[in-house]
Amino acid sequence: MFTLLSGGEQQRVVLARALVQEPNFLVLDEPTNHLDIKYQIQILSVVKSLKVGTLAALHDLSIASMYCDYLYVLKDGRIYAQGKPKDILTTTLIKEVYGVNCHISTNSVTNQLIISYFPMLGDE
């Protein structure tokens, strides 16, 4: 039956199964992988509202900055930077770690970071 569920439904079932155990701490490995934005926001909003310690691996820096109080940025298997999203997510860090250029601004409504990536053209 589980395999008949959509990706978003499967993620919610897995999260519910973990929460029934009343954990003190959650470890989430890409909990929003392959989900559309509605379910990404829904799942991370639920996790954030739980007030349970959580360590989550997330690749979407905008989503990570929206839901995480503290980030660890890894490069080559080592911690490259750590701190509050607004303190460490810079254009320089993103270029050095991910090899892409970007523009970072703050949303005037939500006060959240907006990371806009530039397309890679030519031999970048």
C-alpha atoms as a PDB file:
ATOM      1  CA  MET A   1       0.000   0.000   0.000  1.00  0.00           C
ATOM      2  CA  PHE A   2       2.847   2.397   0.868  1.00  0.00           C
ATOM      3  CA  THR A   3       4.237   2.143  -2.665  1.00  0.00           C
ATOM      4  CA  LEU A   4       0.937   3.388  -4.093  1.00  0.00           C
ATOM      5  CA  LEU A   5       1.307   6.704  -2.263  1.00  0.00           C
ATOM      6  CA  SER A   6       2.786   9.806  -3.875  1.00  0.00           C
ATOM      7  CA  GLY A   7       6.233  11.000  -2.818  1.00  0.00           C
ATOM      8  CA  GLY A   8       4.720  13.668  -0.580  1.00  0.00           C
ATOM      9  CA  GLU A   9       2.370  11.177   1.038  1.00  0.00           C
ATOM     10  CA  GLN A  10       5.220   8.725   1.599  1.00  0.00           C
ATOM     11  CA  GLN A  11       7.339  11.410   3.262  1.00  0.00           C
ATOM     12  CA  ARG A  12       4.449  12.333   5.557  1.00  0.00           C
ATOM     13  CA  VAL A  13       3.949   8.672   6.519  1.00  0.00           C
ATOM     14  CA  VAL A  14       7.655   8.278   7.313  1.00  0.00           C
ATOM     15  CA  LEU A  15       7.621  11.475   9.386  1.00  0.00           C
ATOM     16  CA  ALA A  16       4.442  10.413  11.203  1.00  0.00           C
ATOM     17  CA  ARG A  17       5.975   7.031  11.978  1.00  0.00           C
ATOM     18  CA  ALA A  18       8.994   8.741  13.508  1.00  0.00           C
ATOM     19  CA  LEU A  19       6.867  11.206  15.502  1.00  0.00           C
ATOM     20  CA  VAL A  20       4.685   8.469  17.025  1.00  0.00           C
ATOM     21  CA  GLN A  21       7.829   7.315  18.818  1.00  0.00           C
ATOM     22  CA  GLU A  22       8.029  10.740  20.549  1.00  0.00           C
ATOM     23  CA  PRO A  23      11.699  11.319  19.801  1.00  0.00           C
ATOM     24  CA  ASN A  24      13.834  13.897  21.584  1.00  0.00           C
ATOM     25  CA  PHE A  25      15.856  14.391  18.413  1.00  0.00           C
ATOM     26  CA  LEU A  26      15.253  13.820  14.696  1.00  0.00           C
ATOM     27  CA  VAL A  27      17.848  13.083  12.020  1.00  0.00           C
ATOM     28  CA  LEU A  28      16.443  13.790   8.552  1.00  0.00           C
ATOM     29  CA  ASP A  29      18.311  12.976   5.355  1.00  0.00           C
ATOM     30  CA  GLU A  30      16.873  15.081   2.536  1.00  0.00           C
ATOM     31  CA  PRO A  31      13.307  14.984   3.883  1.00  0.00           C
ATOM     32  CA  THR A  32      12.078  17.136   1.000  1.00  0.00           C
ATOM     33  CA  ASN A  33      13.835  15.305  -1.822  1.00  0.00           C
ATOM     34  CA  HIS A  34      11.616  14.845  -4.903  1.00  0.00           C
ATOM     35  CA  LEU A  35       8.731  16.826  -3.388  1.00  0.00           C
ATOM     36  CA  ASP A  36       7.000  19.787  -4.935  1.00  0.00           C
ATOM     37  CA  ILE A  37       7.330  23.079  -3.077  1.00  0.00           C
ATOM     38  CA  LYS A  38       3.973  22.767  -1.283  1.00  0.00           C
ATOM     39  CA  TYR A  39       5.018  19.518   0.406  1.00  0.00           C
ATOM     40  CA  GLN A  40       8.549  20.781   1.100  1.00  0.00           C
ATOM     41  CA  ILE A  41       7.089  23.733   2.997  1.00  0.00           C
ATOM     42  CA  GLN A  42       4.463  21.572   4.683  1.00  0.00           C
ATOM     43  CA  ILE A  43       6.914  18.956   5.955  1.00  0.00           C
ATOM     44  CA  LEU A  44       9.517  21.440   7.160  1.00  0.00           C
ATOM     45  CA  SER A  45       6.843  23.602   8.799  1.00  0.00           C
ATOM     46  CA  VAL A  46       5.584  20.571  10.723  1.00  0.00           C
ATOM     47  CA  VAL A  47       9.107  19.641  11.803  1.00  0.00           C
ATOM     48  CA  LYS A  48       9.881  23.230  12.852  1.00  0.00           C
ATOM     49  CA  SER A  49       6.658  23.449  14.892  1.00  0.00           C
ATOM     50  CA  LEU A  50       7.547  20.333  16.903  1.00  0.00           C
ATOM     51  CA  LYS A  51      10.204  22.068  18.978  1.00  0.00           C
ATOM     52  CA  VAL A  52      12.273  18.880  18.771  1.00  0.00           C
ATOM     53  CA  GLY A  53      16.007  19.032  18.105  1.00  0.00           C
ATOM     54  CA  THR A  54      16.566  18.251  14.449  1.00  0.00           C
ATOM     55  CA  LEU A  55      19.594  17.628  12.271  1.00  0.00           C
ATOM     56  CA  ALA A  56      18.617  17.719   8.598  1.00  0.00           C
ATOM     57  CA  ALA A  57      20.636  17.352   5.423  1.00  0.00           C
ATOM     58  CA  LEU A  58      19.221  19.844   2.919  1.00  0.00           C
ATOM     59  CA  HIS A  59      20.627  20.879  -0.445  1.00  0.00           C
ATOM     60  CA  ASP A  60      18.263  23.765  -1.131  1.00  0.00           C
ATOM     61  CA  LEU A  61      19.968  26.709   0.566  1.00  0.00           C
ATOM     62  CA  SER A  62      16.902  28.951   0.385  1.00  0.00           C
ATOM     63  CA  ILE A  63      14.758  26.330   2.111  1.00  0.00           C
ATOM     64  CA  ALA A  64      17.533  25.625   4.627  1.00  0.00           C
ATOM     65  CA  SER A  65      17.843  29.314   5.469  1.00  0.00           C
ATOM     66  CA  MET A  66      14.068  29.541   5.911  1.00  0.00           C
ATOM     67  CA  TYR A  67      13.719  26.638   8.355  1.00  0.00           C
ATOM     68  CA  CYS A  68      17.099  26.172  10.033  1.00  0.00           C
ATOM     69  CA  ASP A  69      18.296  28.213  12.973  1.00  0.00           C
ATOM     70  CA  TYR A  70      21.892  27.112  12.421  1.00  0.00           C
ATOM     71  CA  LEU A  71      23.693  25.721   9.378  1.00  0.00           C
ATOM     72  CA  TYR A  72      26.768  23.600   8.801  1.00  0.00           C
ATOM     73  CA  VAL A  73      28.058  23.933   5.242  1.00  0.00           C
ATOM     74  CA  LEU A  74      30.166  20.999   4.115  1.00  0.00           C
ATOM     75  CA  LYS A  75      32.847  20.936   1.448  1.00  0.00           C
ATOM     76  CA  ASP A  76      34.885  17.843   0.639  1.00  0.00           C
ATOM     77  CA  GLY A  77      33.429  16.043   3.661  1.00  0.00           C
ATOM     78  CA  ARG A  78      34.491  18.730   6.152  1.00  0.00           C
ATOM     79  CA  ILE A  79      32.724  21.601   7.848  1.00  0.00           C
ATOM     80  CA  TYR A  80      33.551  24.657   5.752  1.00  0.00           C
ATOM     81  CA  ALA A  81      31.357  27.158   7.606  1.00  0.00           C
ATOM     82  CA  GLN A  82      28.851  27.168  10.421  1.00  0.00           C
ATOM     83  CA  GLY A  83      26.488  29.679  11.907  1.00  0.00           C
ATOM     84  CA  LYS A  84      23.157  31.389  11.454  1.00  0.00           C
ATOM     85  CA  PRO A  85      22.004  31.413   7.815  1.00  0.00           C
ATOM     86  CA  LYS A  86      22.143  35.198   7.444  1.00  0.00           C
ATOM     87  CA  ASP A  87      25.651  35.244   8.899  1.00  0.00           C
ATOM     88  CA  ILE A  88      27.270  32.583   6.734  1.00  0.00           C
ATOM     89  CA  LEU A  89      25.365  32.352   3.450  1.00  0.00           C
ATOM     90  CA  THR A  90      27.234  34.790   1.246  1.00  0.00           C
ATOM     91  CA  THR A  91      27.936  34.986  -2.462  1.00  0.00           C
ATOM     92  CA  THR A  92      31.588  34.221  -1.704  1.00  0.00           C
ATOM     93  CA  LEU A  93      30.768  31.095   0.304  1.00  0.00           C
ATOM     94  CA  ILE A  94      28.385  29.802  -2.353  1.00  0.00           C
ATOM     95  CA  LYS A  95      30.979  30.386  -5.088  1.00  0.00           C
ATOM     96  CA  GLU A  96      33.748  28.704  -3.071  1.00  0.00           C
ATOM     97  CA  VAL A  97      31.686  25.692  -1.978  1.00  0.00           C
ATOM     98  CA  TYR A  98      29.376  25.097  -4.937  1.00  0.00           C
ATOM     99  CA  GLY A  99      31.236  26.817  -7.778  1.00  0.00           C
ATOM    100  CA  VAL A 100      28.291  28.968  -8.826  1.00  0.00           C
ATOM    101  CA  ASN A 101      27.619  32.678  -8.847  1.00  0.00           C
ATOM    102  CA  CYS A 102      24.542  34.043  -7.148  1.00  0.00           C
ATOM    103  CA  HIS A 103      22.837  37.105  -5.771  1.00  0.00           C
ATOM    104  CA  ILE A 104      21.557  37.106  -2.185  1.00  0.00           C
ATOM    105  CA  SER A 105      18.833  39.459  -1.012  1.00  0.00           C
ATOM    106  CA  THR A 106      16.230  39.606   1.727  1.00  0.00           C
ATOM    107  CA  ASN A 107      12.525  39.217   1.059  1.00  0.00           C
ATOM    108  CA  SER A 108      10.852  42.417   2.243  1.00  0.00           C
ATOM    109  CA  VAL A 109       7.719  40.541   3.350  1.00  0.00           C
ATOM    110  CA  THR A 110       9.157  37.465   5.104  1.00  0.00           C
ATOM    111  CA  ASN A 111      12.616  38.821   5.971  1.00  0.00           C
ATOM    112  CA  GLN A 112      14.005  35.509   4.650  1.00  0.00           C
ATOM    113  CA  LEU A 113      17.033  35.130   2.400  1.00  0.00           C
ATOM    114  CA  ILE A 114      16.463  34.852  -1.334  1.00  0.00           C
ATOM    115  CA  ILE A 115      19.278  33.164  -3.238  1.00  0.00           C
ATOM    116  CA  SER A 116      19.142  33.669  -6.986  1.00  0.00           C
ATOM    117  CA  TYR A 117      21.616  31.557  -8.947  1.00  0.00           C
ATOM    118  CA  PHE A 118      23.122  32.729 -12.217  1.00  0.00           C
ATOM    119  CA  PRO A 119      23.080  30.336 -15.169  1.00  0.00           C
ATOM    120  CA  MET A 120      26.392  28.779 -16.097  1.00  0.00           C
ATOM    121  CA  LEU A 121      27.237  29.894 -19.581  1.00  0.00           C
ATOM    122  CA  GLY A 122      30.315  28.775 -21.459  1.00  0.00           C
ATOM    123  CA  ASP A 123      33.293  27.402 -19.531  1.00  0.00           C
ATOM    124  CA  GLU A 124      32.410  28.494 -15.987  1.00  0.00           C
END
